Amino acid sequence: MAMDDMGGGMAPAPGMGADMGMEPGMGAPAPATAEDVMQADAVATQERMAAAAEMAPTPEGQGIEVTTLNMILDQVNRITSELNRIIGEESIPRVTWSAGTVKKWQSQIPPEIFLPVVALVGTAQQLGMTQHTFDPVELFATSGGAKSIAAKLKKMGDDKGFIEAAAAANDPAAAQMPAEEAPPMAPMSPEEQMAQDDLMMEAM
C-alpha cells in the first residue's frame, strides 16, 4: 500500500496511537506561528471588550442628555487626535456614534462611548496618573456623573504629560523596538588580568 493511502505516514507501533493520545499518522503539533498568536490576541481582546461593555450601566431617573454624551465623545476623539499626532499615524481610530432623534438616553450606555472611556482610565491607571482615574460605571449612572466625565476627559486631554506618556504606551513602533543591548566589556589590561588571577588563586 502506498504511503499516501495511509495518511502520508507509517503506521504507528502497537500501543502508540491510543496510549499517547495521538491519531495514527499524526506527528507532534505544529508550533504556533506569529499569525496564530496575533489571532489569539485579537480574540482575547474582543472577549475583554465584550465583558467590559456588559458592565456599562443604564442611567438612572430621566437618563442622560444626548448632548452630554456627545461632549464625552468629542473629548475622547480630541485625545485620540492628540495621540495620533504624536505617534505619527492614525493608529487609534476615531469614535463615531449617533443617538438619532433621541434627546435623553435612557438605555445602557453604548459601547462606542463606554469602552473608549474605560480604556483611557485604564491607561491612566497603568501610567500611575491617579489624578485622571475615576469609576466610569458609577459616573455613567447619572446625568451629573456623565457631565463630570466630560470635564475629567477635558483635563486629561489638556495634560501634556499624560498625552505624551499615553502615546508612548500606544505606539506600536515603540513596542516592536528591541531592547538596547549592553555595550561590550572592554578587554582587561595585563595588570587587571594578573590581579584577577591572584584573587582567584586566593579563593582556591
C-alpha atoms as a PDB file:
ATOM      1  CA  MET A   1       0.000   0.000   0.000  1.00  0.00           C
ATOM      2  CA  ALA A   2       1.347   3.467  -0.846  1.00  0.00           C
ATOM      3  CA  MET A   3       2.249   5.953   1.904  1.00  0.00           C
ATOM      4  CA  ASP A   4      -0.335   8.444   0.595  1.00  0.00           C
ATOM      5  CA  ASP A   5      -3.070   5.859   1.157  1.00  0.00           C
ATOM      6  CA  MET A   6      -2.014   5.597   4.783  1.00  0.00           C
ATOM      7  CA  GLY A   7      -2.390   9.283   5.549  1.00  0.00           C
ATOM      8  CA  GLY A   8       1.107  10.217   4.448  1.00  0.00           C
ATOM      9  CA  GLY A   9       2.973   8.319   7.148  1.00  0.00           C
ATOM     10  CA  MET A  10       3.923   4.952   8.532  1.00  0.00           C
ATOM     11  CA  ALA A  11       1.531   3.046  10.759  1.00  0.00           C
ATOM     12  CA  PRO A  12       2.351   3.597  14.450  1.00  0.00           C
ATOM     13  CA  ALA A  13       3.822   0.823  16.526  1.00  0.00           C
ATOM     14  CA  PRO A  14       1.280  -1.124  18.608  1.00  0.00           C
ATOM     15  CA  GLY A  15       0.102   0.913  21.574  1.00  0.00           C
ATOM     16  CA  MET A  16       1.451   4.286  20.412  1.00  0.00           C
ATOM     17  CA  GLY A  17      -1.753   5.721  18.980  1.00  0.00           C
ATOM     18  CA  ALA A  18      -4.240   5.177  21.795  1.00  0.00           C
ATOM     19  CA  ASP A  19      -1.800   5.261  24.702  1.00  0.00           C
ATOM     20  CA  MET A  20      -0.249   8.575  23.683  1.00  0.00           C
ATOM     21  CA  GLY A  21      -3.495  10.269  22.701  1.00  0.00           C
ATOM     22  CA  MET A  22      -2.473  10.628  19.051  1.00  0.00           C
ATOM     23  CA  GLU A  23      -4.305   9.613  15.937  1.00  0.00           C
ATOM     24  CA  PRO A  24      -2.459   7.240  13.634  1.00  0.00           C
ATOM     25  CA  GLY A  25      -0.303   9.118  11.179  1.00  0.00           C
ATOM     26  CA  MET A  26      -0.197  12.282  13.319  1.00  0.00           C
ATOM     27  CA  GLY A  27       3.065  13.743  14.497  1.00  0.00           C
ATOM     28  CA  ALA A  28       3.796  16.433  17.082  1.00  0.00           C
ATOM     29  CA  PRO A  29       1.547  19.523  16.886  1.00  0.00           C
ATOM     30  CA  ALA A  30       2.911  22.297  14.706  1.00  0.00           C
ATOM     31  CA  PRO A  31       4.410  25.215  16.636  1.00  0.00           C
ATOM     32  CA  ALA A  32       2.314  28.375  16.872  1.00  0.00           C
ATOM     33  CA  THR A  33       3.087  30.962  14.235  1.00  0.00           C
ATOM     34  CA  ALA A  34       3.108  34.742  14.644  1.00  0.00           C
ATOM     35  CA  GLU A  35      -0.244  34.836  12.873  1.00  0.00           C
ATOM     36  CA  ASP A  36      -1.672  32.328  15.343  1.00  0.00           C
ATOM     37  CA  VAL A  37      -0.504  34.464  18.259  1.00  0.00           C
ATOM     38  CA  MET A  38      -1.976  37.611  16.711  1.00  0.00           C
ATOM     39  CA  GLN A  39      -5.307  35.902  16.116  1.00  0.00           C
ATOM     40  CA  ALA A  40      -5.365  34.612  19.692  1.00  0.00           C
ATOM     41  CA  ASP A  41      -4.600  38.111  20.989  1.00  0.00           C
ATOM     42  CA  ALA A  42      -7.372  39.569  18.825  1.00  0.00           C
ATOM     43  CA  VAL A  43      -9.879  37.040  20.151  1.00  0.00           C
ATOM     44  CA  ALA A  44      -8.814  37.714  23.736  1.00  0.00           C
ATOM     45  CA  THR A  45      -9.152  41.467  23.169  1.00  0.00           C
ATOM     46  CA  GLN A  46     -12.641  41.061  21.730  1.00  0.00           C
ATOM     47  CA  GLU A  47     -13.665  38.922  24.704  1.00  0.00           C
ATOM     48  CA  ARG A  48     -12.352  41.537  27.150  1.00  0.00           C
ATOM     49  CA  MET A  49     -14.162  44.310  25.287  1.00  0.00           C
ATOM     50  CA  ALA A  50     -17.414  42.350  25.289  1.00  0.00           C
ATOM     51  CA  ALA A  51     -17.097  41.732  29.023  1.00  0.00           C
ATOM     52  CA  ALA A  52     -16.359  45.416  29.668  1.00  0.00           C
ATOM     53  CA  ALA A  53     -19.306  46.532  27.526  1.00  0.00           C
ATOM     54  CA  GLU A  54     -21.634  44.435  29.679  1.00  0.00           C
ATOM     55  CA  MET A  55     -20.536  46.484  32.703  1.00  0.00           C
ATOM     56  CA  ALA A  56     -21.921  49.694  31.198  1.00  0.00           C
ATOM     57  CA  PRO A  57     -24.748  50.995  33.397  1.00  0.00           C
ATOM     58  CA  THR A  58     -28.232  52.137  32.464  1.00  0.00           C
ATOM     59  CA  PRO A  59     -28.703  55.774  33.548  1.00  0.00           C
ATOM     60  CA  GLU A  60     -30.956  56.432  36.491  1.00  0.00           C
ATOM     61  CA  GLY A  61     -34.012  58.656  36.501  1.00  0.00           C
ATOM     62  CA  GLN A  62     -34.722  60.570  33.309  1.00  0.00           C
ATOM     63  CA  GLY A  63     -31.500  59.453  31.670  1.00  0.00           C
ATOM     64  CA  ILE A  64     -28.548  61.424  30.306  1.00  0.00           C
ATOM     65  CA  GLU A  65     -28.812  64.265  27.834  1.00  0.00           C
ATOM     66  CA  VAL A  66     -27.511  63.180  24.450  1.00  0.00           C
ATOM     67  CA  THR A  67     -25.649  66.484  24.259  1.00  0.00           C
ATOM     68  CA  THR A  68     -23.631  65.343  27.293  1.00  0.00           C
ATOM     69  CA  LEU A  69     -22.792  62.006  25.656  1.00  0.00           C
ATOM     70  CA  ASN A  70     -21.711  63.879  22.531  1.00  0.00           C
ATOM     71  CA  MET A  71     -19.480  66.105  24.685  1.00  0.00           C
ATOM     72  CA  ILE A  72     -17.833  62.973  26.086  1.00  0.00           C
ATOM     73  CA  LEU A  73     -17.402  61.624  22.565  1.00  0.00           C
ATOM     74  CA  ASP A  74     -15.828  64.893  21.429  1.00  0.00           C
ATOM     75  CA  GLN A  75     -13.315  64.784  24.288  1.00  0.00           C
ATOM     76  CA  VAL A  76     -12.454  61.142  23.516  1.00  0.00           C
ATOM     77  CA  ASN A  77     -11.789  61.996  19.868  1.00  0.00           C
ATOM     78  CA  ARG A  78      -9.810  65.075  20.877  1.00  0.00           C
ATOM     79  CA  ILE A  79      -7.498  62.903  22.980  1.00  0.00           C
ATOM     80  CA  THR A  80      -7.326  60.343  20.166  1.00  0.00           C
ATOM     81  CA  SER A  81      -6.279  63.037  17.692  1.00  0.00           C
ATOM     82  CA  GLU A  82      -3.507  64.206  20.030  1.00  0.00           C
ATOM     83  CA  LEU A  83      -2.234  60.651  20.493  1.00  0.00           C
ATOM     84  CA  ASN A  84      -2.224  60.010  16.740  1.00  0.00           C
ATOM     85  CA  ARG A  85      -0.435  63.317  16.149  1.00  0.00           C
ATOM     86  CA  ILE A  86       2.429  62.237  18.403  1.00  0.00           C
ATOM     87  CA  ILE A  87       2.513  58.639  17.175  1.00  0.00           C
ATOM     88  CA  GLY A  88       2.537  59.926  13.598  1.00  0.00           C
ATOM     89  CA  GLU A  89      -0.231  57.779  12.145  1.00  0.00           C
ATOM     90  CA  GLU A  90      -3.932  57.047  12.565  1.00  0.00           C
ATOM     91  CA  SER A  91      -3.248  54.021  14.749  1.00  0.00           C
ATOM     92  CA  ILE A  92      -6.159  54.797  17.080  1.00  0.00           C
ATOM     93  CA  PRO A  93      -9.444  55.153  15.170  1.00  0.00           C
ATOM     94  CA  ARG A  94     -11.901  57.962  15.882  1.00  0.00           C
ATOM     95  CA  VAL A  95     -15.157  57.027  17.537  1.00  0.00           C
ATOM     96  CA  THR A  96     -18.491  57.678  15.841  1.00  0.00           C
ATOM     97  CA  TRP A  97     -21.949  57.350  17.366  1.00  0.00           C
ATOM     98  CA  SER A  98     -25.386  58.799  16.813  1.00  0.00           C
ATOM     99  CA  ALA A  99     -28.489  58.767  19.005  1.00  0.00           C
ATOM    100  CA  GLY A 100     -30.706  59.673  16.112  1.00  0.00           C
ATOM    101  CA  THR A 101     -33.586  61.864  17.242  1.00  0.00           C
ATOM    102  CA  VAL A 102     -33.347  60.867  20.917  1.00  0.00           C
ATOM    103  CA  LYS A 103     -32.800  63.798  23.300  1.00  0.00           C
ATOM    104  CA  LYS A 104     -32.241  61.875  26.514  1.00  0.00           C
ATOM    105  CA  TRP A 105     -30.509  58.495  26.653  1.00  0.00           C
ATOM    106  CA  GLN A 106     -32.272  56.074  28.989  1.00  0.00           C
ATOM    107  CA  SER A 107     -30.777  52.783  27.765  1.00  0.00           C
ATOM    108  CA  GLN A 108     -27.474  51.142  28.643  1.00  0.00           C
ATOM    109  CA  ILE A 109     -24.527  53.381  27.817  1.00  0.00           C
ATOM    110  CA  PRO A 110     -23.482  52.424  24.271  1.00  0.00           C
ATOM    111  CA  PRO A 111     -20.128  50.623  23.938  1.00  0.00           C
ATOM    112  CA  GLU A 112     -18.936  53.210  21.404  1.00  0.00           C
ATOM    113  CA  ILE A 113     -18.808  55.679  24.286  1.00  0.00           C
ATOM    114  CA  PHE A 114     -18.286  53.479  27.335  1.00  0.00           C
ATOM    115  CA  LEU A 115     -15.348  51.390  26.086  1.00  0.00           C
ATOM    116  CA  PRO A 116     -13.073  54.294  24.993  1.00  0.00           C
ATOM    117  CA  VAL A 117     -13.608  55.972  28.362  1.00  0.00           C
ATOM    118  CA  VAL A 118     -12.753  52.737  30.176  1.00  0.00           C
ATOM    119  CA  ALA A 119      -9.640  52.377  28.005  1.00  0.00           C
ATOM    120  CA  LEU A 120      -8.454  55.915  28.792  1.00  0.00           C
ATOM    121  CA  VAL A 121      -8.991  55.422  32.522  1.00  0.00           C
ATOM    122  CA  GLY A 122      -7.140  52.102  32.300  1.00  0.00           C
ATOM    123  CA  THR A 123      -4.232  53.826  30.565  1.00  0.00           C
ATOM    124  CA  ALA A 124      -4.093  56.450  33.302  1.00  0.00           C
ATOM    125  CA  GLN A 125      -4.028  53.687  35.932  1.00  0.00           C
ATOM    126  CA  GLN A 126      -1.202  51.873  34.142  1.00  0.00           C
ATOM    127  CA  LEU A 127       0.777  55.107  33.945  1.00  0.00           C
ATOM    128  CA  GLY A 128       0.232  55.786  37.648  1.00  0.00           C
ATOM    129  CA  MET A 129      -1.570  59.077  36.904  1.00  0.00           C
ATOM    130  CA  THR A 130      -4.253  58.724  39.559  1.00  0.00           C
ATOM    131  CA  GLN A 131      -5.438  62.304  39.035  1.00  0.00           C
ATOM    132  CA  HIS A 132      -7.092  61.067  35.824  1.00  0.00           C
ATOM    133  CA  THR A 133      -8.670  57.895  37.214  1.00  0.00           C
ATOM    134  CA  PHE A 134     -12.342  57.519  38.090  1.00  0.00           C
ATOM    135  CA  ASP A 135     -15.083  54.895  38.041  1.00  0.00           C
ATOM    136  CA  PRO A 136     -16.914  55.068  34.679  1.00  0.00           C
ATOM    137  CA  VAL A 137     -19.593  52.629  35.857  1.00  0.00           C
ATOM    138  CA  GLU A 138     -20.519  54.866  38.787  1.00  0.00           C
ATOM    139  CA  LEU A 139     -20.409  58.173  36.923  1.00  0.00           C
ATOM    140  CA  PHE A 140     -22.251  56.992  33.827  1.00  0.00           C
ATOM    141  CA  ALA A 141     -25.175  56.032  36.051  1.00  0.00           C
ATOM    142  CA  THR A 142     -26.357  59.628  36.453  1.00  0.00           C
ATOM    143  CA  SER A 143     -26.651  62.757  34.336  1.00  0.00           C
ATOM    144  CA  GLY A 144     -24.425  64.721  36.714  1.00  0.00           C
ATOM    145  CA  GLY A 145     -21.836  61.967  36.717  1.00  0.00           C
ATOM    146  CA  ALA A 146     -21.751  61.919  32.928  1.00  0.00           C
ATOM    147  CA  LYS A 147     -21.142  65.671  32.873  1.00  0.00           C
ATOM    148  CA  SER A 148     -18.236  65.203  35.269  1.00  0.00           C
ATOM    149  CA  ILE A 149     -16.784  62.579  32.904  1.00  0.00           C
ATOM    150  CA  ALA A 150     -16.721  65.148  30.106  1.00  0.00           C
ATOM    151  CA  ALA A 151     -14.918  67.596  32.418  1.00  0.00           C
ATOM    152  CA  LYS A 152     -12.408  64.969  33.561  1.00  0.00           C
ATOM    153  CA  LEU A 153     -11.644  63.956  29.962  1.00  0.00           C
ATOM    154  CA  LYS A 154     -11.039  67.616  29.090  1.00  0.00           C
ATOM    155  CA  LYS A 155      -8.467  67.849  31.890  1.00  0.00           C
ATOM    156  CA  MET A 156      -6.932  64.597  30.659  1.00  0.00           C
ATOM    157  CA  GLY A 157      -6.624  65.973  27.137  1.00  0.00           C
ATOM    158  CA  ASP A 158      -5.076  69.211  28.435  1.00  0.00           C
ATOM    159  CA  ASP A 159      -2.396  67.306  30.362  1.00  0.00           C
ATOM    160  CA  LYS A 160       0.597  67.172  28.004  1.00  0.00           C
ATOM    161  CA  GLY A 161       2.397  64.762  30.302  1.00  0.00           C
ATOM    162  CA  PHE A 162      -0.447  62.287  30.098  1.00  0.00           C
ATOM    163  CA  ILE A 163      -0.781  62.639  26.315  1.00  0.00           C
ATOM    164  CA  GLU A 164       2.932  62.037  25.741  1.00  0.00           C
ATOM    165  CA  ALA A 165       3.077  59.049  28.108  1.00  0.00           C
ATOM    166  CA  ALA A 166      -0.095  57.527  26.669  1.00  0.00           C
ATOM    167  CA  ALA A 167       1.203  57.989  23.116  1.00  0.00           C
ATOM    168  CA  ALA A 168       4.415  56.173  24.010  1.00  0.00           C
ATOM    169  CA  ALA A 169       2.408  53.345  25.586  1.00  0.00           C
ATOM    170  CA  ASN A 170       0.207  53.009  22.485  1.00  0.00           C
ATOM    171  CA  ASP A 171       2.972  53.386  19.879  1.00  0.00           C
ATOM    172  CA  PRO A 172       3.276  50.048  18.036  1.00  0.00           C
ATOM    173  CA  ALA A 173       6.712  51.024  16.729  1.00  0.00           C
ATOM    174  CA  ALA A 174       7.985  51.562  20.263  1.00  0.00           C
ATOM    175  CA  ALA A 175       6.597  48.187  21.316  1.00  0.00           C
ATOM    176  CA  GLN A 176       8.453  46.456  18.475  1.00  0.00           C
ATOM    177  CA  MET A 177      11.821  48.119  19.167  1.00  0.00           C
ATOM    178  CA  PRO A 178      14.348  45.634  20.515  1.00  0.00           C
ATOM    179  CA  ALA A 179      15.752  46.267  23.927  1.00  0.00           C
ATOM    180  CA  GLU A 180      19.106  48.037  23.988  1.00  0.00           C
ATOM    181  CA  GLU A 181      21.985  45.640  24.312  1.00  0.00           C
ATOM    182  CA  ALA A 182      24.623  46.287  26.910  1.00  0.00           C
ATOM    183  CA  PRO A 183      27.853  47.612  25.386  1.00  0.00           C
ATOM    184  CA  PRO A 184      30.625  45.020  25.151  1.00  0.00           C
ATOM    185  CA  MET A 185      33.070  44.993  28.008  1.00  0.00           C
ATOM    186  CA  ALA A 186      36.456  46.476  27.292  1.00  0.00           C
ATOM    187  CA  PRO A 187      39.325  43.978  27.430  1.00  0.00           C
ATOM    188  CA  MET A 188      41.250  43.893  30.681  1.00  0.00           C
ATOM    189  CA  SER A 189      44.750  45.225  30.822  1.00  0.00           C
ATOM    190  CA  PRO A 190      47.605  42.826  31.740  1.00  0.00           C
ATOM    191  CA  GLU A 191      47.714  44.344  35.227  1.00  0.00           C
ATOM    192  CA  GLU A 192      43.947  43.809  35.725  1.00  0.00           C
ATOM    193  CA  GLN A 193      44.241  40.231  34.453  1.00  0.00           C
ATOM    194  CA  MET A 194      47.080  39.493  36.901  1.00  0.00           C
ATOM    195  CA  ALA A 195      45.071  40.973  39.793  1.00  0.00           C
ATOM    196  CA  GLN A 196      42.062  38.832  38.887  1.00  0.00           C
ATOM    197  CA  ASP A 197      44.234  35.729  38.682  1.00  0.00           C
ATOM    198  CA  ASP A 198      45.662  36.487  42.146  1.00  0.00           C
ATOM    199  CA  LEU A 199      42.156  36.828  43.598  1.00  0.00           C
ATOM    200  CA  MET A 200      41.136  33.507  42.081  1.00  0.00           C
ATOM    201  CA  MET A 201      44.201  31.792  43.480  1.00  0.00           C
ATOM    202  CA  GLU A 202      43.475  33.166  46.948  1.00  0.00           C
ATOM    203  CA  ALA A 203      39.901  31.931  46.763  1.00  0.00           C
ATOM    204  CA  MET A 204      41.004  28.367  45.948  1.00  0.00           C
END
